[in-house]
Amino acid sequence: MKHVANGLILVTVIAVSTIAQTPPAQEVDVERIGPQVGDIVPDFSAVDQFGRTQTLKSIMGPNGAMLFLNRSADW
């Protein structure tokens, strides 16, 4: 039982010291990063999930286009 208590104390000390060393999150000004709502998208080309090259013109439909960019955590 004493070993379990010592282990819990050690884990708590490590967790608290890790949290204490983590710098506070910086505020991000979203008005200054990337395109904003209503901005005109520049022409581009990119490879889609099927390996085909897509351009702004190729994805544009009669009502416009919606782009969804997803950055995977395992890149």
PDB file of N, CA and C in Angstrom:
ATOM      1  N   MET A   1       0.822  -1.194   0.000  1.00  0.00           N
ATOM      2  CA  MET A   1       0.000   0.000   0.000  1.00  0.00           C
ATOM      3  C   MET A   1       0.864   1.255   0.000  1.00  0.00           C
ATOM      4  N   LYS A   2       1.995   1.181   0.723  1.00  0.00           N
ATOM      5  CA  LYS A   2       2.893   2.332   0.786  1.00  0.00           C
ATOM      6  C   LYS A   2       3.460   2.637  -0.601  1.00  0.00           C
ATOM      7  N   HIS A   3       3.755   1.589  -1.407  1.00  0.00           N
ATOM      8  CA  HIS A   3       4.297   1.786  -2.743  1.00  0.00           C
ATOM      9  C   HIS A   3       3.283   2.488  -3.643  1.00  0.00           C
ATOM     10  N   VAL A   4       2.001   2.148  -3.494  1.00  0.00           N
ATOM     11  CA  VAL A   4       0.947   2.773  -4.290  1.00  0.00           C
ATOM     12  C   VAL A   4       0.843   4.254  -3.930  1.00  0.00           C
ATOM     13  N   ALA A   5       0.883   4.560  -2.654  1.00  0.00           N
ATOM     14  CA  ALA A   5       0.803   5.955  -2.214  1.00  0.00           C
ATOM     15  C   ALA A   5       2.005   6.744  -2.720  1.00  0.00           C
ATOM     16  N   ASN A   6       3.197   6.165  -2.645  1.00  0.00           N
ATOM     17  CA  ASN A   6       4.390   6.850  -3.145  1.00  0.00           C
ATOM     18  C   ASN A   6       4.285   7.067  -4.655  1.00  0.00           C
ATOM     19  N   GLY A   7       3.742   6.082  -5.379  1.00  0.00           N
ATOM     20  CA  GLY A   7       3.562   6.217  -6.823  1.00  0.00           C
ATOM     21  C   GLY A   7       2.590   7.329  -7.159  1.00  0.00           C
ATOM     22  N   LEU A   8       1.500   7.419  -6.427  1.00  0.00           N
ATOM     23  CA  LEU A   8       0.517   8.489  -6.653  1.00  0.00           C
ATOM     24  C   LEU A   8       1.114   9.866  -6.358  1.00  0.00           C
ATOM     25  N   ILE A   9       1.908   9.942  -5.310  1.00  0.00           N
ATOM     26  CA  ILE A   9       2.562  11.216  -4.985  1.00  0.00           C
ATOM     27  C   ILE A   9       3.524  11.605  -6.102  1.00  0.00           C
ATOM     28  N   LEU A  10       4.290  10.647  -6.594  1.00  0.00           N
ATOM     29  CA  LEU A  10       5.245  10.915  -7.669  1.00  0.00           C
ATOM     30  C   LEU A  10       4.519  11.388  -8.934  1.00  0.00           C
ATOM     31  N   VAL A  11       3.433  10.713  -9.299  1.00  0.00           N
ATOM     32  CA  VAL A  11       2.664  11.102 -10.482  1.00  0.00           C
ATOM     33  C   VAL A  11       2.097  12.505 -10.300  1.00  0.00           C
ATOM     34  N   THR A  12       1.609  12.819  -9.127  1.00  0.00           N
ATOM     35  CA  THR A  12       1.063  14.144  -8.847  1.00  0.00           C
ATOM     36  C   THR A  12       2.142  15.212  -8.960  1.00  0.00           C
ATOM     37  N   VAL A  13       3.316  14.950  -8.413  1.00  0.00           N
ATOM     38  CA  VAL A  13       4.422  15.910  -8.482  1.00  0.00           C
ATOM     39  C   VAL A  13       4.839  16.140  -9.930  1.00  0.00           C
ATOM     40  N   ILE A  14       4.924  15.080 -10.720  1.00  0.00           N
ATOM     41  CA  ILE A  14       5.289  15.214 -12.133  1.00  0.00           C
ATOM     42  C   ILE A  14       4.232  16.015 -12.873  1.00  0.00           C
ATOM     43  N   ALA A  15       2.968  15.717 -12.630  1.00  0.00           N
ATOM     44  CA  ALA A  15       1.889  16.426 -13.320  1.00  0.00           C
ATOM     45  C   ALA A  15       1.899  17.907 -12.956  1.00  0.00           C
ATOM     46  N   VAL A  16       2.049  18.225 -11.692  1.00  0.00           N
ATOM     47  CA  VAL A  16       2.054  19.624 -11.257  1.00  0.00           C
ATOM     48  C   VAL A  16       3.268  20.351 -11.817  1.00  0.00           C
ATOM     49  N   SER A  17       4.432  19.724 -11.828  1.00  0.00           N
ATOM     50  CA  SER A  17       5.619  20.390 -12.352  1.00  0.00           C
ATOM     51  C   SER A  17       5.511  20.594 -13.862  1.00  0.00           C
ATOM     52  N   THR A  18       4.882  19.656 -14.565  1.00  0.00           N
ATOM     53  CA  THR A  18       4.685  19.810 -16.005  1.00  0.00           C
ATOM     54  C   THR A  18       3.739  20.961 -16.294  1.00  0.00           C
ATOM     55  N   ILE A  19       2.653  21.030 -15.558  1.00  0.00           N
ATOM     56  CA  ILE A  19       1.689  22.118 -15.733  1.00  0.00           C
ATOM     57  C   ILE A  19       2.337  23.463 -15.400  1.00  0.00           C
ATOM     58  N   ALA A  20       3.136  23.499 -14.358  1.00  0.00           N
ATOM     59  CA  ALA A  20       3.777  24.744 -13.951  1.00  0.00           C
ATOM     60  C   ALA A  20       4.771  25.236 -14.994  1.00  0.00           C
ATOM     61  N   GLN A  21       5.389  24.326 -15.750  1.00  0.00           N
ATOM     62  CA  GLN A  21       6.391  24.705 -16.745  1.00  0.00           C
ATOM     63  C   GLN A  21       5.768  25.055 -18.098  1.00  0.00           C
ATOM     64  N   THR A  22       4.498  24.745 -18.289  1.00  0.00           N
ATOM     65  CA  THR A  22       3.837  25.014 -19.556  1.00  0.00           C
ATOM     66  C   THR A  22       3.527  26.502 -19.659  1.00  0.00           C
ATOM     67  N   PRO A  23       4.044  27.168 -20.711  1.00  0.00           N
ATOM     68  CA  PRO A  23       3.764  28.595 -20.837  1.00  0.00           C
ATOM     69  C   PRO A  23       2.285  28.828 -21.128  1.00  0.00           C
ATOM     70  N   PRO A  24       1.750  29.959 -20.700  1.00  0.00           N
ATOM     71  CA  PRO A  24       0.336  30.235 -20.962  1.00  0.00           C
ATOM     72  C   PRO A  24       0.085  30.366 -22.461  1.00  0.00           C
ATOM     73  N   ALA A  25      -1.085  29.945 -22.886  1.00  0.00           N
ATOM     74  CA  ALA A  25      -1.442  30.029 -24.302  1.00  0.00           C
ATOM     75  C   ALA A  25      -1.502  31.488 -24.730  1.00  0.00           C
ATOM     76  N   GLN A  26      -0.951  31.762 -25.913  1.00  0.00           N
ATOM     77  CA  GLN A  26      -0.996  33.123 -26.418  1.00  0.00           C
ATOM     78  C   GLN A  26      -2.299  33.339 -27.164  1.00  0.00           C
ATOM     79  N   GLU A  27      -2.852  34.508 -27.001  1.00  0.00           N
ATOM     80  CA  GLU A  27      -4.081  34.866 -27.702  1.00  0.00           C
ATOM     81  C   GLU A  27      -3.777  34.998 -29.190  1.00  0.00           C
ATOM     82  N   VAL A  28      -4.611  34.421 -30.031  1.00  0.00           N
ATOM     83  CA  VAL A  28      -4.425  34.470 -31.472  1.00  0.00           C
ATOM     84  C   VAL A  28      -5.405  35.476 -32.055  1.00  0.00           C
ATOM     85  N   ASP A  29      -4.884  36.400 -32.839  1.00  0.00           N
ATOM     86  CA  ASP A  29      -5.718  37.395 -33.498  1.00  0.00           C
ATOM     87  C   ASP A  29      -6.179  36.813 -34.832  1.00  0.00           C
ATOM     88  N   VAL A  30      -7.391  36.250 -34.864  1.00  0.00           N
ATOM     89  CA  VAL A  30      -7.882  35.592 -36.073  1.00  0.00           C
ATOM     90  C   VAL A  30      -8.147  36.574 -37.202  1.00  0.00           C
ATOM     91  N   GLU A  31      -8.219  37.852 -36.894  1.00  0.00           N
ATOM     92  CA  GLU A  31      -8.416  38.865 -37.934  1.00  0.00           C
ATOM     93  C   GLU A  31      -7.168  39.029 -38.794  1.00  0.00           C
ATOM     94  N   ARG A  32      -6.037  38.531 -38.335  1.00  0.00           N
ATOM     95  CA  ARG A  32      -4.784  38.725 -39.055  1.00  0.00           C
ATOM     96  C   ARG A  32      -4.240  37.435 -39.665  1.00  0.00           C
ATOM     97  N   ILE A  33      -4.917  36.308 -39.465  1.00  0.00           N
ATOM     98  CA  ILE A  33      -4.406  35.030 -39.946  1.00  0.00           C
ATOM     99  C   ILE A  33      -5.264  34.536 -41.108  1.00  0.00           C
ATOM    100  N   GLY A  34      -4.633  34.292 -42.227  1.00  0.00           N
ATOM    101  CA  GLY A  34      -5.305  33.670 -43.360  1.00  0.00           C
ATOM    102  C   GLY A  34      -6.433  34.494 -43.941  1.00  0.00           C
ATOM    103  N   PRO A  35      -7.140  33.895 -44.895  1.00  0.00           N
ATOM    104  CA  PRO A  35      -8.257  34.605 -45.527  1.00  0.00           C
ATOM    105  C   PRO A  35      -9.399  34.807 -44.542  1.00  0.00           C
ATOM    106  N   GLN A  36     -10.126  35.867 -44.747  1.00  0.00           N
ATOM    107  CA  GLN A  36     -11.257  36.189 -43.883  1.00  0.00           C
ATOM    108  C   GLN A  36     -12.561  35.896 -44.625  1.00  0.00           C
ATOM    109  N   VAL A  37     -13.636  35.811 -43.895  1.00  0.00           N
ATOM    110  CA  VAL A  37     -14.948  35.580 -44.490  1.00  0.00           C
ATOM    111  C   VAL A  37     -15.214  36.666 -45.517  1.00  0.00           C
ATOM    112  N   GLY A  38     -15.593  36.252 -46.717  1.00  0.00           N
ATOM    113  CA  GLY A  38     -15.901  37.191 -47.783  1.00  0.00           C
ATOM    114  C   GLY A  38     -14.724  37.530 -48.675  1.00  0.00           C
ATOM    115  N   ASP A  39     -13.506  37.119 -48.306  1.00  0.00           N
ATOM    116  CA  ASP A  39     -12.342  37.368 -49.157  1.00  0.00           C
ATOM    117  C   ASP A  39     -12.449  36.558 -50.447  1.00  0.00           C
ATOM    118  N   ILE A  40     -11.890  37.084 -51.513  1.00  0.00           N
ATOM    119  CA  ILE A  40     -11.832  36.361 -52.779  1.00  0.00           C
ATOM    120  C   ILE A  40     -10.689  35.356 -52.704  1.00  0.00           C
ATOM    121  N   VAL A  41     -11.002  34.114 -53.058  1.00  0.00           N
ATOM    122  CA  VAL A  41     -10.002  33.051 -53.005  1.00  0.00           C
ATOM    123  C   VAL A  41      -9.128  33.136 -54.251  1.00  0.00           C
ATOM    124  N   PRO A  42      -7.811  33.153 -54.085  1.00  0.00           N
ATOM    125  CA  PRO A  42      -6.941  33.159 -55.266  1.00  0.00           C
ATOM    126  C   PRO A  42      -7.005  31.809 -55.973  1.00  0.00           C
ATOM    127  N   ASP A  43      -6.722  31.810 -57.274  1.00  0.00           N
ATOM    128  CA  ASP A  43      -6.716  30.552 -58.008  1.00  0.00           C
ATOM    129  C   ASP A  43      -5.654  29.640 -57.398  1.00  0.00           C
ATOM    130  N   PHE A  44      -5.919  28.357 -57.365  1.00  0.00           N
ATOM    131  CA  PHE A  44      -4.993  27.399 -56.778  1.00  0.00           C
ATOM    132  C   PHE A  44      -5.132  26.068 -57.486  1.00  0.00           C
ATOM    133  N   SER A  45      -4.189  25.194 -57.215  1.00  0.00           N
ATOM    134  CA  SER A  45      -4.316  23.792 -57.617  1.00  0.00           C
ATOM    135  C   SER A  45      -3.789  22.955 -56.457  1.00  0.00           C
ATOM    136  N   ALA A  46      -4.479  21.852 -56.208  1.00  0.00           N
ATOM    137  CA  ALA A  46      -4.105  20.961 -55.113  1.00  0.00           C
ATOM    138  C   ALA A  46      -4.548  19.552 -55.472  1.00  0.00           C
ATOM    139  N   VAL A  47      -3.875  18.580 -54.901  1.00  0.00           N
ATOM    140  CA  VAL A  47      -4.214  17.178 -55.139  1.00  0.00           C
ATOM    141  C   VAL A  47      -5.254  16.759 -54.101  1.00  0.00           C
ATOM    142  N   ASP A  48      -6.339  16.131 -54.570  1.00  0.00           N
ATOM    143  CA  ASP A  48      -7.381  15.695 -53.646  1.00  0.00           C
ATOM    144  C   ASP A  48      -7.068  14.312 -53.081  1.00  0.00           C
ATOM    145  N   GLN A  49      -7.995  13.786 -52.284  1.00  0.00           N
ATOM    146  CA  GLN A  49      -7.770  12.494 -51.619  1.00  0.00           C
ATOM    147  C   GLN A  49      -7.703  11.324 -52.586  1.00  0.00           C
ATOM    148  N   PHE A  50      -8.100  11.547 -53.862  1.00  0.00           N
ATOM    149  CA  PHE A  50      -8.045  10.492 -54.860  1.00  0.00           C
ATOM    150  C   PHE A  50      -6.839  10.635 -55.785  1.00  0.00           C
ATOM    151  N   GLY A  51      -5.983  11.628 -55.514  1.00  0.00           N
ATOM    152  CA  GLY A  51      -4.797  11.834 -56.318  1.00  0.00           C
ATOM    153  C   GLY A  51      -5.020  12.689 -57.559  1.00  0.00           C
ATOM    154  N   ARG A  52      -6.219  13.257 -57.714  1.00  0.00           N
ATOM    155  CA  ARG A  52      -6.522  14.104 -58.870  1.00  0.00           C
ATOM    156  C   ARG A  52      -6.229  15.560 -58.530  1.00  0.00           C
ATOM    157  N   THR A  53      -5.695  16.279 -59.487  1.00  0.00           N
ATOM    158  CA  THR A  53      -5.430  17.697 -59.287  1.00  0.00           C
ATOM    159  C   THR A  53      -6.731  18.473 -59.456  1.00  0.00           C
ATOM    160  N   GLN A  54      -7.045  19.269 -58.471  1.00  0.00           N
ATOM    161  CA  GLN A  54      -8.235  20.116 -58.497  1.00  0.00           C
ATOM    162  C   GLN A  54      -7.793  21.575 -58.519  1.00  0.00           C
ATOM    163  N   THR A  55      -8.582  22.407 -59.163  1.00  0.00           N
ATOM    164  CA  THR A  55      -8.342  23.848 -59.181  1.00  0.00           C
ATOM    165  C   THR A  55      -9.600  24.534 -58.670  1.00  0.00           C
ATOM    166  N   LEU A  56      -9.499  25.817 -58.425  1.00  0.00           N
ATOM    167  CA  LEU A  56     -10.680  26.556 -58.003  1.00  0.00           C
ATOM    168  C   LEU A  56     -11.779  26.422 -59.053  1.00  0.00           C
ATOM    169  N   LYS A  57     -11.405  26.523 -60.318  1.00  0.00           N
ATOM    170  CA  LYS A  57     -12.385  26.421 -61.407  1.00  0.00           C
ATOM    171  C   LYS A  57     -13.025  25.028 -61.443  1.00  0.00           C
ATOM    172  N   SER A  58     -12.244  23.969 -61.185  1.00  0.00           N
ATOM    173  CA  SER A  58     -12.790  22.611 -61.282  1.00  0.00           C
ATOM    174  C   SER A  58     -13.752  22.266 -60.148  1.00  0.00           C
ATOM    175  N   ILE A  59     -13.642  22.927 -59.007  1.00  0.00           N
ATOM    176  CA  ILE A  59     -14.546  22.621 -57.896  1.00  0.00           C
ATOM    177  C   ILE A  59     -15.715  23.595 -57.796  1.00  0.00           C
ATOM    178  N   MET A  60     -15.671  24.677 -58.558  1.00  0.00           N
ATOM    179  CA  MET A  60     -16.711  25.693 -58.475  1.00  0.00           C
ATOM    180  C   MET A  60     -18.003  25.178 -59.103  1.00  0.00           C
ATOM    181  N   GLY A  61     -19.075  25.277 -58.365  1.00  0.00           N
ATOM    182  CA  GLY A  61     -20.383  24.873 -58.859  1.00  0.00           C
ATOM    183  C   GLY A  61     -21.235  26.093 -59.131  1.00  0.00           C
ATOM    184  N   PRO A  62     -22.517  25.906 -59.484  1.00  0.00           N
ATOM    185  CA  PRO A  62     -23.381  27.038 -59.800  1.00  0.00           C
ATOM    186  C   PRO A  62     -23.621  27.949 -58.600  1.00  0.00           C
ATOM    187  N   ASN A  63     -23.473  27.431 -57.389  1.00  0.00           N
ATOM    188  CA  ASN A  63     -23.679  28.228 -56.178  1.00  0.00           C
ATOM    189  C   ASN A  63     -22.370  28.559 -55.468  1.00  0.00           C
ATOM    190  N   GLY A  64     -21.256  28.342 -56.128  1.00  0.00           N
ATOM    191  CA  GLY A  64     -19.957  28.606 -55.516  1.00  0.00           C
ATOM    192  C   GLY A  64     -19.280  27.318 -55.099  1.00  0.00           C
ATOM    193  N   ALA A  65     -18.416  27.420 -54.130  1.00  0.00           N
ATOM    194  CA  ALA A  65     -17.683  26.254 -53.636  1.00  0.00           C
ATOM    195  C   ALA A  65     -17.443  26.420 -52.144  1.00  0.00           C
ATOM    196  N   MET A  66     -17.311  25.295 -51.490  1.00  0.00           N
ATOM    197  CA  MET A  66     -16.967  25.312 -50.072  1.00  0.00           C
ATOM    198  C   MET A  66     -15.703  24.494 -49.905  1.00  0.00           C
ATOM    199  N   LEU A  67     -14.681  25.100 -49.320  1.00  0.00           N
ATOM    200  CA  LEU A  67     -13.418  24.397 -49.101  1.00  0.00           C
ATOM    201  C   LEU A  67     -13.319  23.973 -47.649  1.00  0.00           C
ATOM    202  N   PHE A  68     -12.920  22.737 -47.438  1.00  0.00           N
ATOM    203  CA  PHE A  68     -12.676  22.222 -46.099  1.00  0.00           C
ATOM    204  C   PHE A  68     -11.266  21.686 -46.077  1.00  0.00           C
ATOM    205  N   LEU A  69     -10.406  22.297 -45.288  1.00  0.00           N
ATOM    206  CA  LEU A  69      -9.017  21.867 -45.175  1.00  0.00           C
ATOM    207  C   LEU A  69      -8.834  21.223 -43.815  1.00  0.00           C
ATOM    208  N   ASN A  70      -8.344  20.000 -43.817  1.00  0.00           N
ATOM    209  CA  ASN A  70      -8.175  19.257 -42.576  1.00  0.00           C
ATOM    210  C   ASN A  70      -6.724  18.821 -42.462  1.00  0.00           C
ATOM    211  N   ARG A  71      -6.076  19.254 -41.417  1.00  0.00           N
ATOM    212  CA  ARG A  71      -4.696  18.835 -41.189  1.00  0.00           C
ATOM    213  C   ARG A  71      -4.715  17.650 -40.231  1.00  0.00           C
ATOM    214  N   SER A  72      -4.217  16.534 -40.727  1.00  0.00           N
ATOM    215  CA  SER A  72      -4.192  15.318 -39.931  1.00  0.00           C
ATOM    216  C   SER A  72      -3.123  15.416 -38.849  1.00  0.00           C
ATOM    217  N   ALA A  73      -3.389  14.800 -37.728  1.00  0.00           N
ATOM    218  CA  ALA A  73      -2.427  14.801 -36.621  1.00  0.00           C
ATOM    219  C   ALA A  73      -1.254  13.859 -36.873  1.00  0.00           C
ATOM    220  N   ASP A  74      -1.341  13.014 -37.890  1.00  0.00           N
ATOM    221  CA  ASP A  74      -0.269  12.049 -38.107  1.00  0.00           C
ATOM    222  C   ASP A  74       0.570  12.351 -39.345  1.00  0.00           C
ATOM    223  N   TRP A  75       0.628  13.609 -39.774  1.00  0.00           N
ATOM    224  CA  TRP A  75       1.435  13.977 -40.925  1.00  0.00           C
ATOM    225  C   TRP A  75       2.891  13.856 -40.604  1.00  0.00           C
TER     226      TRP A  75
END
